[in-house]
């Protein structure tokens, strides 16, 4: 009977240690997941900002303004079409 009780206590002790290990592992994974999710949100915000910046920089009016300013481009004065 004593051997059975000692074996039962050993099983209970091993089970408790396994439970502590599983809970610790779960908490570690949860913390890693939260960090990665925060990074995902940060990258999504940066992506949105970059898309907005791209659309601003490639807007037709801005491209036209930059061409006139930097390349000294102007509207043609008189257009003459030549036929063959």
PDB file of N, CA and C in Angstrom:
ATOM      1  N   UNK A   1       0.811  -1.190   0.000  1.00  0.00           N
ATOM      2  CA  UNK A   1       0.000   0.000   0.000  1.00  0.00           C
ATOM      3  C   UNK A   1       0.861   1.264   0.000  1.00  0.00           C
ATOM      4  N   UNK A   2       1.987   1.211   0.733  1.00  0.00           N
ATOM      5  CA  UNK A   2       2.859   2.377   0.769  1.00  0.00           C
ATOM      6  C   UNK A   2       3.458   2.666  -0.602  1.00  0.00           C
ATOM      7  N   UNK A   3       3.788   1.637  -1.335  1.00  0.00           N
ATOM      8  CA  UNK A   3       4.358   1.829  -2.659  1.00  0.00           C
ATOM      9  C   UNK A   3       3.323   2.461  -3.588  1.00  0.00           C
ATOM     10  N   UNK A   4       2.081   2.081  -3.450  1.00  0.00           N
ATOM     11  CA  UNK A   4       1.005   2.629  -4.267  1.00  0.00           C
ATOM     12  C   UNK A   4       0.781   4.109  -3.954  1.00  0.00           C
ATOM     13  N   UNK A   5       0.835   4.453  -2.684  1.00  0.00           N
ATOM     14  CA  UNK A   5       0.649   5.846  -2.280  1.00  0.00           C
ATOM     15  C   UNK A   5       1.822   6.705  -2.756  1.00  0.00           C
ATOM     16  N   UNK A   6       3.044   6.158  -2.652  1.00  0.00           N
ATOM     17  CA  UNK A   6       4.226   6.892  -3.115  1.00  0.00           C
ATOM     18  C   UNK A   6       4.172   7.084  -4.629  1.00  0.00           C
ATOM     19  N   UNK A   7       3.725   6.066  -5.335  1.00  0.00           N
ATOM     20  CA  UNK A   7       3.596   6.163  -6.787  1.00  0.00           C
ATOM     21  C   UNK A   7       2.533   7.202  -7.161  1.00  0.00           C
ATOM     22  N   UNK A   8       1.425   7.211  -6.430  1.00  0.00           N
ATOM     23  CA  UNK A   8       0.362   8.175  -6.674  1.00  0.00           C
ATOM     24  C   UNK A   8       0.861   9.607  -6.442  1.00  0.00           C
ATOM     25  N   UNK A   9       1.620   9.826  -5.373  1.00  0.00           N
ATOM     26  CA  UNK A   9       2.188  11.143  -5.101  1.00  0.00           C
ATOM     27  C   UNK A   9       3.178  11.561  -6.195  1.00  0.00           C
ATOM     28  N   UNK A  10       3.939  10.624  -6.677  1.00  0.00           N
ATOM     29  CA  UNK A  10       4.896  10.923  -7.749  1.00  0.00           C
ATOM     30  C   UNK A  10       4.153  11.332  -9.025  1.00  0.00           C
ATOM     31  N   UNK A  11       3.073  10.643  -9.326  1.00  0.00           N
ATOM     32  CA  UNK A  11       2.277  10.977 -10.505  1.00  0.00           C
ATOM     33  C   UNK A  11       1.651  12.368 -10.346  1.00  0.00           C
ATOM     34  N   UNK A  12       1.146  12.673  -9.170  1.00  0.00           N
ATOM     35  CA  UNK A  12       0.557  13.982  -8.906  1.00  0.00           C
ATOM     36  C   UNK A  12       1.623  15.069  -9.040  1.00  0.00           C
ATOM     37  N   UNK A  13       2.802  14.841  -8.497  1.00  0.00           N
ATOM     38  CA  UNK A  13       3.890  15.806  -8.568  1.00  0.00           C
ATOM     39  C   UNK A  13       4.333  16.027 -10.018  1.00  0.00           C
ATOM     40  N   UNK A  14       4.480  14.965 -10.774  1.00  0.00           N
ATOM     41  CA  UNK A  14       4.868  15.069 -12.184  1.00  0.00           C
ATOM     42  C   UNK A  14       3.784  15.814 -12.969  1.00  0.00           C
ATOM     43  N   UNK A  15       2.525  15.504 -12.681  1.00  0.00           N
ATOM     44  CA  UNK A  15       1.420  16.170 -13.358  1.00  0.00           C
ATOM     45  C   UNK A  15       1.422  17.677 -13.044  1.00  0.00           C
ATOM     46  N   UNK A  16       1.674  18.041 -11.809  1.00  0.00           N
ATOM     47  CA  UNK A  16       1.715  19.455 -11.420  1.00  0.00           C
ATOM     48  C   UNK A  16       2.868  20.176 -12.114  1.00  0.00           C
ATOM     49  N   UNK A  17       4.028  19.540 -12.182  1.00  0.00           N
ATOM     50  CA  UNK A  17       5.174  20.149 -12.864  1.00  0.00           C
ATOM     51  C   UNK A  17       4.904  20.310 -14.360  1.00  0.00           C
ATOM     52  N   UNK A  18       4.250  19.315 -14.938  1.00  0.00           N
ATOM     53  CA  UNK A  18       3.907  19.412 -16.357  1.00  0.00           C
ATOM     54  C   UNK A  18       2.921  20.567 -16.591  1.00  0.00           C
ATOM     55  N   UNK A  19       1.965  20.730 -15.691  1.00  0.00           N
ATOM     56  CA  UNK A  19       0.992  21.819 -15.802  1.00  0.00           C
ATOM     57  C   UNK A  19       1.687  23.177 -15.711  1.00  0.00           C
ATOM     58  N   UNK A  20       2.638  23.324 -14.811  1.00  0.00           N
ATOM     59  CA  UNK A  20       3.391  24.574 -14.682  1.00  0.00           C
ATOM     60  C   UNK A  20       4.169  24.848 -15.968  1.00  0.00           C
ATOM     61  N   UNK A  21       4.774  23.829 -16.531  1.00  0.00           N
ATOM     62  CA  UNK A  21       5.521  23.989 -17.776  1.00  0.00           C
ATOM     63  C   UNK A  21       4.627  24.406 -18.934  1.00  0.00           C
ATOM     64  N   UNK A  22       3.460  23.808 -19.037  1.00  0.00           N
ATOM     65  CA  UNK A  22       2.524  24.133 -20.109  1.00  0.00           C
ATOM     66  C   UNK A  22       2.029  25.575 -19.967  1.00  0.00           C
ATOM     67  N   UNK A  23       1.688  25.985 -18.756  1.00  0.00           N
ATOM     68  CA  UNK A  23       1.208  27.352 -18.535  1.00  0.00           C
ATOM     69  C   UNK A  23       2.313  28.352 -18.855  1.00  0.00           C
ATOM     70  N   UNK A  24       3.540  28.058 -18.447  1.00  0.00           N
ATOM     71  CA  UNK A  24       4.662  28.958 -18.747  1.00  0.00           C
ATOM     72  C   UNK A  24       4.869  29.068 -20.264  1.00  0.00           C
ATOM     73  N   UNK A  25       4.824  27.947 -20.956  1.00  0.00           N
ATOM     74  CA  UNK A  25       4.972  27.951 -22.410  1.00  0.00           C
ATOM     75  C   UNK A  25       3.863  28.744 -23.079  1.00  0.00           C
ATOM     76  N   UNK A  26       2.650  28.585 -22.588  1.00  0.00           N
ATOM     77  CA  UNK A  26       1.516  29.314 -23.154  1.00  0.00           C
ATOM     78  C   UNK A  26       1.689  30.816 -22.963  1.00  0.00           C
ATOM     79  N   UNK A  27       2.108  31.229 -21.781  1.00  0.00           N
ATOM     80  CA  UNK A  27       2.306  32.662 -21.514  1.00  0.00           C
ATOM     81  C   UNK A  27       3.425  33.229 -22.383  1.00  0.00           C
ATOM     82  N   UNK A  28       4.480  32.456 -22.587  1.00  0.00           N
ATOM     83  CA  UNK A  28       5.578  32.904 -23.439  1.00  0.00           C
ATOM     84  C   UNK A  28       5.096  33.092 -24.880  1.00  0.00           C
ATOM     85  N   UNK A  29       4.345  32.135 -25.391  1.00  0.00           N
ATOM     86  CA  UNK A  29       3.808  32.234 -26.752  1.00  0.00           C
ATOM     87  C   UNK A  29       2.828  33.402 -26.881  1.00  0.00           C
ATOM     88  N   UNK A  30       2.016  33.632 -25.856  1.00  0.00           N
ATOM     89  CA  UNK A  30       1.069  34.740 -25.888  1.00  0.00           C
ATOM     90  C   UNK A  30       1.806  36.076 -25.931  1.00  0.00           C
ATOM     91  N   UNK A  31       2.875  36.196 -25.165  1.00  0.00           N
ATOM     92  CA  UNK A  31       3.667  37.422 -25.168  1.00  0.00           C
ATOM     93  C   UNK A  31       4.320  37.648 -26.534  1.00  0.00           C
ATOM     94  N   UNK A  32       4.865  36.607 -27.141  1.00  0.00           N
ATOM     95  CA  UNK A  32       5.452  36.720 -28.480  1.00  0.00           C
ATOM     96  C   UNK A  32       4.388  37.117 -29.501  1.00  0.00           C
ATOM     97  N   UNK A  33       3.211  36.523 -29.397  1.00  0.00           N
ATOM     98  CA  UNK A  33       2.131  36.844 -30.322  1.00  0.00           C
ATOM     99  C   UNK A  33       1.724  38.304 -30.201  1.00  0.00           C
ATOM    100  N   UNK A  34       1.632  38.815 -28.965  1.00  0.00           N
ATOM    101  CA  UNK A  34       1.258  40.214 -28.764  1.00  0.00           C
ATOM    102  C   UNK A  34       2.303  41.153 -29.355  1.00  0.00           C
ATOM    103  N   UNK A  35       3.582  40.820 -29.223  1.00  0.00           N
ATOM    104  CA  UNK A  35       4.641  41.640 -29.798  1.00  0.00           C
ATOM    105  C   UNK A  35       4.560  41.635 -31.320  1.00  0.00           C
ATOM    106  N   UNK A  36       4.345  40.472 -31.913  1.00  0.00           N
ATOM    107  CA  UNK A  36       4.235  40.369 -33.363  1.00  0.00           C
ATOM    108  C   UNK A  36       2.990  41.080 -33.876  1.00  0.00           C
ATOM    109  N   UNK A  37       1.903  41.023 -33.125  1.00  0.00           N
ATOM    110  CA  UNK A  37       0.681  41.711 -33.529  1.00  0.00           C
ATOM    111  C   UNK A  37       0.878  43.223 -33.475  1.00  0.00           C
ATOM    112  N   UNK A  38       1.596  43.712 -32.470  1.00  0.00           N
ATOM    113  CA  UNK A  38       1.891  45.144 -32.395  1.00  0.00           C
ATOM    114  C   UNK A  38       2.751  45.570 -33.582  1.00  0.00           C
ATOM    115  N   UNK A  39       3.703  44.732 -33.961  1.00  0.00           N
ATOM    116  CA  UNK A  39       4.531  45.019 -35.134  1.00  0.00           C
ATOM    117  C   UNK A  39       3.685  45.026 -36.406  1.00  0.00           C
ATOM    118  N   UNK A  40       2.745  44.102 -36.510  1.00  0.00           N
ATOM    119  CA  UNK A  40       1.845  44.039 -37.670  1.00  0.00           C
ATOM    120  C   UNK A  40       1.026  45.329 -37.791  1.00  0.00           C
ATOM    121  N   UNK A  41       0.505  45.798 -36.671  1.00  0.00           N
ATOM    122  CA  UNK A  41      -0.281  47.033 -36.682  1.00  0.00           C
ATOM    123  C   UNK A  41       0.595  48.208 -37.097  1.00  0.00           C
ATOM    124  N   UNK A  42       1.824  48.255 -36.570  1.00  0.00           N
ATOM    125  CA  UNK A  42       2.750  49.335 -36.915  1.00  0.00           C
ATOM    126  C   UNK A  42       3.080  49.309 -38.410  1.00  0.00           C
ATOM    127  N   UNK A  43       3.340  48.125 -38.952  1.00  0.00           N
ATOM    128  CA  UNK A  43       3.652  48.008 -40.372  1.00  0.00           C
ATOM    129  C   UNK A  43       2.440  48.354 -41.242  1.00  0.00           C
ATOM    130  N   UNK A  44       1.261  48.007 -40.803  1.00  0.00           N
ATOM    131  CA  UNK A  44       0.047  48.354 -41.542  1.00  0.00           C
ATOM    132  C   UNK A  44      -0.147  49.873 -41.583  1.00  0.00           C
ATOM    133  N   UNK A  45       0.117  50.533 -40.459  1.00  0.00           N
ATOM    134  CA  UNK A  45       0.007  51.991 -40.422  1.00  0.00           C
ATOM    135  C   UNK A  45       1.050  52.632 -41.351  1.00  0.00           C
ATOM    136  N   UNK A  46       2.263  52.104 -41.339  1.00  0.00           N
ATOM    137  CA  UNK A  46       3.305  52.639 -42.216  1.00  0.00           C
ATOM    138  C   UNK A  46       2.937  52.416 -43.686  1.00  0.00           C
ATOM    139  N   UNK A  47       2.389  51.256 -44.005  1.00  0.00           N
ATOM    140  CA  UNK A  47       1.971  50.950 -45.374  1.00  0.00           C
ATOM    141  C   UNK A  47       0.896  51.928 -45.831  1.00  0.00           C
ATOM    142  N   UNK A  48      -0.069  52.190 -44.966  1.00  0.00           N
ATOM    143  CA  UNK A  48      -1.136  53.138 -45.292  1.00  0.00           C
ATOM    144  C   UNK A  48      -0.559  54.536 -45.522  1.00  0.00           C
ATOM    145  N   UNK A  49       0.368  54.940 -44.672  1.00  0.00           N
ATOM    146  CA  UNK A  49       1.000  56.255 -44.822  1.00  0.00           C
ATOM    147  C   UNK A  49       1.766  56.340 -46.130  1.00  0.00           C
ATOM    148  N   UNK A  50       2.478  55.273 -46.477  1.00  0.00           N
ATOM    149  CA  UNK A  50       3.245  55.268 -47.717  1.00  0.00           C
ATOM    150  C   UNK A  50       2.340  55.295 -48.949  1.00  0.00           C
ATOM    151  N   UNK A  51       1.221  54.611 -48.896  1.00  0.00           N
ATOM    152  CA  UNK A  51       0.267  54.664 -50.013  1.00  0.00           C
ATOM    153  C   UNK A  51      -0.282  56.075 -50.193  1.00  0.00           C
ATOM    154  N   UNK A  52      -0.583  56.731 -49.091  1.00  0.00           N
ATOM    155  CA  UNK A  52      -1.075  58.105 -49.165  1.00  0.00           C
ATOM    156  C   UNK A  52      -0.005  59.032 -49.726  1.00  0.00           C
ATOM    157  N   UNK A  53       1.228  58.839 -49.264  1.00  0.00           N
ATOM    158  CA  UNK A  53       2.334  59.652 -49.757  1.00  0.00           C
ATOM    159  C   UNK A  53       2.552  59.419 -51.252  1.00  0.00           C
ATOM    160  N   UNK A  54       2.461  58.168 -51.687  1.00  0.00           N
ATOM    161  CA  UNK A  54       2.635  57.849 -53.105  1.00  0.00           C
ATOM    162  C   UNK A  54       1.555  58.518 -53.945  1.00  0.00           C
ATOM    163  N   UNK A  55       0.311  58.441 -53.486  1.00  0.00           N
ATOM    164  CA  UNK A  55      -0.766  59.055 -54.268  1.00  0.00           C
ATOM    165  C   UNK A  55      -0.618  60.570 -54.309  1.00  0.00           C
ATOM    166  N   UNK A  56      -0.091  61.152 -53.247  1.00  0.00           N
ATOM    167  CA  UNK A  56       0.143  62.599 -53.240  1.00  0.00           C
ATOM    168  C   UNK A  56       1.245  62.968 -54.215  1.00  0.00           C
ATOM    169  N   UNK A  57       2.324  62.196 -54.209  1.00  0.00           N
ATOM    170  CA  UNK A  57       3.467  62.513 -55.065  1.00  0.00           C
ATOM    171  C   UNK A  57       3.193  62.266 -56.539  1.00  0.00           C
ATOM    172  N   UNK A  58       2.299  61.357 -56.846  1.00  0.00           N
ATOM    173  CA  UNK A  58       2.027  61.034 -58.246  1.00  0.00           C
ATOM    174  C   UNK A  58       0.763  61.702 -58.768  1.00  0.00           C
ATOM    175  N   UNK A  59       0.181  62.596 -57.993  1.00  0.00           N
ATOM    176  CA  UNK A  59      -1.020  63.311 -58.445  1.00  0.00           C
ATOM    177  C   UNK A  59      -0.669  64.119 -59.688  1.00  0.00           C
ATOM    178  N   UNK A  60      -1.600  64.163 -60.634  1.00  0.00           N
ATOM    179  CA  UNK A  60      -1.358  64.814 -61.930  1.00  0.00           C
ATOM    180  C   UNK A  60      -0.952  66.272 -61.757  1.00  0.00           C
ATOM    181  N   UNK A  61      -1.646  66.993 -60.902  1.00  0.00           N
ATOM    182  CA  UNK A  61      -1.337  68.399 -60.699  1.00  0.00           C
ATOM    183  C   UNK A  61       0.073  68.620 -60.179  1.00  0.00           C
ATOM    184  N   UNK A  62       0.511  67.741 -59.276  1.00  0.00           N
ATOM    185  CA  UNK A  62       1.859  67.884 -58.720  1.00  0.00           C
ATOM    186  C   UNK A  62       2.914  67.565 -59.771  1.00  0.00           C
ATOM    187  N   UNK A  63       2.683  66.538 -60.569  1.00  0.00           N
ATOM    188  CA  UNK A  63       3.633  66.185 -61.630  1.00  0.00           C
ATOM    189  C   UNK A  63       3.721  67.328 -62.637  1.00  0.00           C
ATOM    190  N   UNK A  64       2.577  67.906 -62.984  1.00  0.00           N
ATOM    191  CA  UNK A  64       2.560  69.023 -63.917  1.00  0.00           C
ATOM    192  C   UNK A  64       3.312  70.221 -63.332  1.00  0.00           C
ATOM    193  N   UNK A  65       3.070  70.497 -62.075  1.00  0.00           N
ATOM    194  CA  UNK A  65       3.737  71.628 -61.418  1.00  0.00           C
ATOM    195  C   UNK A  65       5.256  71.415 -61.367  1.00  0.00           C
ATOM    196  N   UNK A  66       5.681  70.215 -61.031  1.00  0.00           N
ATOM    197  CA  UNK A  66       7.119  69.921 -60.961  1.00  0.00           C
ATOM    198  C   UNK A  66       7.761  70.007 -62.339  1.00  0.00           C
ATOM    199  N   UNK A  67       7.065  69.549 -63.378  1.00  0.00           N
ATOM    200  CA  UNK A  67       7.612  69.615 -64.736  1.00  0.00           C
ATOM    201  C   UNK A  67       7.790  71.066 -65.162  1.00  0.00           C
ATOM    202  N   UNK A  68       6.820  71.889 -64.878  1.00  0.00           N
ATOM    203  CA  UNK A  68       6.931  73.304 -65.234  1.00  0.00           C
ATOM    204  C   UNK A  68       8.055  73.983 -64.457  1.00  0.00           C
ATOM    205  N   UNK A  69       8.165  73.664 -63.197  1.00  0.00           N
ATOM    206  CA  UNK A  69       9.134  74.334 -62.326  1.00  0.00           C
ATOM    207  C   UNK A  69      10.564  73.858 -62.587  1.00  0.00           C
ATOM    208  N   UNK A  70      10.793  72.562 -62.586  1.00  0.00           N
ATOM    209  CA  UNK A  70      12.151  72.017 -62.671  1.00  0.00           C
ATOM    210  C   UNK A  70      12.663  71.944 -64.108  1.00  0.00           C
ATOM    211  N   UNK A  71      11.785  71.709 -65.059  1.00  0.00           N
ATOM    212  CA  UNK A  71      12.212  71.532 -66.446  1.00  0.00           C
ATOM    213  C   UNK A  71      11.874  72.735 -67.312  1.00  0.00           C
ATOM    214  N   UNK A  72      11.315  73.770 -66.704  1.00  0.00           N
ATOM    215  CA  UNK A  72      10.913  74.972 -67.420  1.00  0.00           C
ATOM    216  C   UNK A  72       9.987  74.661 -68.596  1.00  0.00           C
ATOM    217  N   UNK A  73       9.085  73.745 -68.403  1.00  0.00           N
ATOM    218  CA  UNK A  73       8.153  73.364 -69.454  1.00  0.00           C
ATOM    219  C   UNK A  73       6.980  74.339 -69.461  1.00  0.00           C
ATOM    220  N   UNK A  74       6.480  74.637 -70.651  1.00  0.00           N
ATOM    221  CA  UNK A  74       5.329  75.521 -70.805  1.00  0.00           C
ATOM    222  C   UNK A  74       4.360  74.904 -71.799  1.00  0.00           C
ATOM    223  N   UNK A  75       3.178  75.461 -71.841  1.00  0.00           N
ATOM    224  CA  UNK A  75       2.184  75.024 -72.825  1.00  0.00           C
ATOM    225  C   UNK A  75       2.643  75.505 -74.192  1.00  0.00           C
ATOM    226  N   UNK A  76       2.447  74.726 -75.236  1.00  0.00           N
ATOM    227  CA  UNK A  76       2.817  75.197 -76.571  1.00  0.00           C
ATOM    228  C   UNK A  76       1.939  76.392 -76.961  1.00  0.00           C
ATOM    229  N   UNK A  77       2.575  77.350 -77.606  1.00  0.00           N
ATOM    230  CA  UNK A  77       1.848  78.559 -77.980  1.00  0.00           C
ATOM    231  C   UNK A  77       0.901  78.322 -79.137  1.00  0.00           C
ATOM    232  N   UNK A  78       1.444  77.948 -80.267  1.00  0.00           N
ATOM    233  CA  UNK A  78       0.639  77.741 -81.460  1.00  0.00           C
ATOM    234  C   UNK A  78       0.958  76.338 -81.977  1.00  0.00           C
ATOM    235  N   UNK A  79      -0.046  75.560 -82.225  1.00  0.00           N
ATOM    236  CA  UNK A  79       0.154  74.200 -82.693  1.00  0.00           C
ATOM    237  C   UNK A  79      -0.164  74.169 -84.186  1.00  0.00           C
ATOM    238  N   UNK A  80       0.740  73.616 -84.945  1.00  0.00           N
ATOM    239  CA  UNK A  80       0.532  73.509 -86.398  1.00  0.00           C
ATOM    240  C   UNK A  80       0.630  72.033 -86.744  1.00  0.00           C
ATOM    241  N   UNK A  81      -0.371  71.523 -87.392  1.00  0.00           N
ATOM    242  CA  UNK A  81      -0.400  70.114 -87.784  1.00  0.00           C
ATOM    243  C   UNK A  81      -0.004  70.039 -89.243  1.00  0.00           C
ATOM    244  N   UNK A  82       0.996  69.249 -89.553  1.00  0.00           N
ATOM    245  CA  UNK A  82       1.453  69.081 -90.918  1.00  0.00           C
ATOM    246  C   UNK A  82       0.876  67.813 -91.488  1.00  0.00           C
ATOM    247  N   UNK A  83       0.343  67.898 -92.700  1.00  0.00           N
ATOM    248  CA  UNK A  83      -0.175  66.700 -93.343  1.00  0.00           C
ATOM    249  C   UNK A  83       0.755  66.333 -94.498  1.00  0.00           C
ATOM    250  N   UNK A  84       0.714  65.106 -94.907  1.00  0.00           N
ATOM    251  CA  UNK A  84       1.630  64.629 -95.939  1.00  0.00           C
ATOM    252  C   UNK A  84       1.181  64.962 -97.304  1.00  0.00           C
TER     253      UNK A  84
END
